[in-house]
Amino acid sequence: MSDKLKQVIEKQAAQQDEELNDHSDDIVQLVGFIIGEEEYAVPILSIQEIIKPFTWTRVPQVPAYVKGVFNMRGSVIPLIDLRLKFGLREQKHDENTRFIVMKNGDDIAGFIIDRLTMAIRIKRENIGPAPDTLIGDDTMIEGVGKQEDRIITILKVNKLLERDF
């Protein structure tokens, strides 16, 4: 497990200790990250690993957002640039760039994110549905989390991992 993921999990545990009166069923635990100017989040349990960028192998005849594949402990995993998948321009990696490996059942992939933010705990009552224009099974948006000073788009991990290449 990467140091950054350990820090996120430790921070999550500390927040849990502080909120003993909250019912765990009423809290959604997420990990936040930045793509472009927007903050997104996915359920913490869907994350297998968060790592610093390293080399990967390009694969021909795949969409531009599929950067290639990499080997992680004997498994070949596709690497997807979320900037490109979300229609943003490609950006050179910097010290904040991370690969976030997500898993849902047997599906697994690595995603390039601009920056990791934090462990997020949101009361279920503060999560609204996806905007009306995006309702349906095809949308990648699970819902919109509201905190005091920000709005966080919560993504569907199963849709992110869906292979269309």
Protein backbone atom coordinates (compact mmCIF):
# COMPACT_ATOMS: atom_id res chain seq x y z
CA MET A 1 0.00 0.00 0.00
CA SER A 2 1.35 3.40 -0.93
CA ASP A 3 2.24 5.99 1.72
CA LYS A 4 -0.37 8.42 0.38
CA LEU A 5 -3.14 5.78 0.62
CA LYS A 6 -1.99 4.94 4.17
CA GLN A 7 -2.22 8.63 5.07
CA VAL A 8 -5.73 8.83 3.63
CA ILE A 9 -6.83 5.73 5.55
CA GLU A 10 -5.23 6.98 8.80
CA LYS A 11 -6.97 10.34 8.40
CA GLN A 12 -10.22 8.49 7.76
CA ALA A 13 -9.74 6.48 10.98
CA ALA A 14 -9.07 9.67 12.96
CA GLN A 15 -12.25 11.24 11.61
CA GLN A 16 -14.21 8.13 12.58
CA ASP A 17 -12.93 8.38 16.16
CA GLU A 18 -14.04 12.01 16.35
CA GLU A 19 -17.55 11.21 15.15
CA LEU A 20 -18.54 8.40 17.50
CA ASN A 21 -22.10 9.66 17.63
CA ASP A 22 -22.63 9.31 13.87
CA HIS A 23 -24.12 6.08 12.57
CA SER A 24 -21.79 4.46 10.04
CA ASP A 25 -24.70 3.71 7.69
CA ASP A 26 -25.38 7.44 7.46
CA ILE A 27 -21.81 8.30 6.36
CA VAL A 28 -20.31 7.73 2.92
CA GLN A 29 -16.51 7.40 2.88
CA LEU A 30 -14.79 8.68 -0.25
CA VAL A 31 -11.38 9.62 -1.59
CA GLY A 32 -11.24 12.95 -3.41
CA PHE A 33 -9.08 13.95 -6.34
CA ILE A 34 -8.73 16.77 -8.83
CA ILE A 35 -9.07 16.53 -12.62
CA GLY A 36 -8.62 19.92 -14.29
CA GLU A 37 -10.44 22.43 -12.09
CA GLU A 38 -13.02 20.01 -10.65
CA GLU A 39 -13.00 17.78 -7.59
CA TYR A 40 -14.28 14.23 -7.92
CA ALA A 41 -14.54 11.36 -5.48
CA VAL A 42 -14.97 7.59 -5.47
CA PRO A 43 -15.82 5.21 -2.61
CA ILE A 44 -12.73 4.47 -0.55
CA LEU A 45 -13.30 0.72 -0.72
CA SER A 46 -13.02 0.75 -4.53
CA ILE A 47 -9.40 1.95 -4.37
CA GLN A 48 -6.75 -0.71 -4.48
CA GLU A 49 -3.71 1.55 -4.58
CA ILE A 50 -2.51 5.12 -5.11
CA ILE A 51 0.97 5.40 -6.59
CA LYS A 52 3.33 7.91 -8.13
CA PRO A 53 3.56 7.80 -11.94
CA PHE A 54 5.95 5.35 -13.55
CA THR A 55 6.54 4.03 -17.06
CA TRP A 56 3.90 2.08 -18.92
CA THR A 57 3.67 0.29 -22.27
CA ARG A 58 1.71 1.91 -25.07
CA VAL A 59 -0.95 -0.15 -26.81
CA PRO A 60 -1.84 0.49 -30.48
CA GLN A 61 -5.34 1.14 -31.79
CA VAL A 62 -7.01 2.18 -28.56
CA PRO A 63 -8.74 5.49 -27.81
CA ALA A 64 -6.39 8.40 -27.01
CA TYR A 65 -7.41 8.41 -23.34
CA VAL A 66 -6.03 4.86 -22.93
CA LYS A 67 -2.36 5.60 -22.35
CA GLY A 68 -1.36 1.92 -22.35
CA VAL A 69 -0.87 -0.85 -19.81
CA PHE A 70 1.38 -1.46 -16.81
CA ASN A 71 2.36 -4.46 -14.75
CA MET A 72 1.34 -4.48 -11.10
CA ARG A 73 2.40 -7.59 -9.22
CA GLY A 74 1.96 -9.81 -12.26
CA SER A 75 -1.32 -8.32 -13.48
CA VAL A 76 -1.49 -6.30 -16.69
CA ILE A 77 -3.65 -3.25 -15.97
CA PRO A 78 -4.91 -0.62 -18.42
CA LEU A 79 -3.95 2.99 -17.70
CA ILE A 80 -6.56 5.64 -18.48
CA ASP A 81 -5.96 9.39 -18.47
CA LEU A 82 -9.07 10.90 -16.87
CA ARG A 83 -8.25 14.35 -18.28
CA LEU A 84 -8.59 12.98 -21.81
CA LYS A 85 -11.59 10.79 -20.95
CA PHE A 86 -13.38 13.85 -19.56
CA GLY A 87 -12.60 15.91 -22.69
CA LEU A 88 -9.82 18.07 -21.22
CA ARG A 89 -6.45 18.66 -22.86
CA GLU A 90 -3.52 16.47 -21.93
CA GLN A 91 -1.20 17.82 -19.27
CA LYS A 92 2.39 16.94 -18.44
CA HIS A 93 2.76 15.01 -15.20
CA ASP A 94 4.11 16.92 -12.20
CA GLU A 95 4.89 16.15 -8.55
CA ASN A 96 1.15 16.00 -7.72
CA THR A 97 0.16 13.55 -10.48
CA ARG A 98 -0.87 10.11 -9.23
CA PHE A 99 -2.05 6.81 -10.60
CA ILE A 100 -5.12 5.61 -8.72
CA VAL A 101 -5.87 1.91 -9.18
CA MET A 102 -9.57 1.10 -8.81
CA LYS A 103 -11.28 -2.24 -8.62
CA ASN A 104 -14.88 -3.38 -8.89
CA GLY A 105 -15.31 -7.15 -8.82
CA ASP A 106 -12.91 -8.57 -11.41
CA ASP A 107 -12.58 -5.25 -13.25
CA ILE A 108 -9.45 -3.24 -12.50
CA ALA A 109 -7.75 -0.22 -14.09
CA GLY A 110 -5.34 2.55 -13.28
CA PHE A 111 -6.37 6.16 -13.75
CA ILE A 112 -4.15 9.22 -14.09
CA ILE A 113 -5.35 12.00 -11.80
CA ASP A 114 -3.97 15.53 -11.47
CA ARG A 115 -3.89 15.60 -7.68
CA LEU A 116 -5.14 13.64 -4.71
CA THR A 117 -7.11 15.74 -2.21
CA MET A 118 -8.27 13.92 0.91
CA ALA A 119 -10.39 11.33 2.59
CA ILE A 120 -13.94 12.64 2.61
CA ARG A 121 -16.80 11.70 4.88
CA ILE A 122 -20.18 12.95 3.76
CA LYS A 123 -23.49 12.28 5.42
CA ARG A 124 -25.72 10.36 3.04
CA GLU A 125 -28.34 13.10 3.40
CA ASN A 126 -25.86 15.61 1.90
CA ILE A 127 -25.51 13.62 -1.33
CA GLY A 128 -27.92 14.58 -4.07
CA PRO A 129 -28.67 12.76 -7.30
CA ALA A 130 -26.84 13.40 -10.56
CA PRO A 131 -28.09 16.50 -12.40
CA ASP A 132 -31.33 15.93 -14.35
CA THR A 133 -29.48 16.18 -17.66
CA LEU A 134 -27.32 13.18 -16.70
CA ILE A 135 -29.84 10.80 -15.14
CA GLY A 136 -29.68 7.30 -16.57
CA ASP A 137 -27.51 4.21 -16.58
CA ASP A 138 -24.96 5.70 -19.01
CA THR A 139 -23.79 8.52 -16.76
CA MET A 140 -20.55 8.19 -14.80
CA ILE A 141 -21.94 10.39 -12.03
CA GLU A 142 -23.33 8.64 -8.95
CA GLY A 143 -24.30 11.86 -7.22
CA VAL A 144 -23.20 15.24 -5.95
CA GLY A 145 -21.86 15.61 -2.41
CA LYS A 146 -22.33 18.92 -0.65
CA GLN A 147 -20.02 20.19 2.08
CA GLU A 148 -19.87 23.65 3.66
CA ASP A 149 -17.55 25.21 1.11
CA ARG A 150 -17.60 22.90 -1.89
CA ILE A 151 -19.45 20.50 -4.14
CA ILE A 152 -17.89 17.14 -5.02
CA THR A 153 -18.93 15.01 -7.97
CA ILE A 154 -19.11 11.37 -6.92
CA LEU A 155 -18.27 8.97 -9.76
CA LYS A 156 -19.55 5.46 -10.46
CA VAL A 157 -16.55 3.15 -10.31
CA ASN A 158 -18.27 0.48 -12.41
CA LYS A 159 -18.74 3.04 -15.23
CA LEU A 160 -15.13 4.23 -14.98
CA LEU A 161 -13.96 0.61 -15.30
CA GLU A 162 -16.31 -0.19 -18.20
CA ARG A 163 -14.27 -1.19 -21.27
CA ASP A 164 -15.23 0.59 -24.46
CA PHE A 165 -11.96 -0.14 -26.22
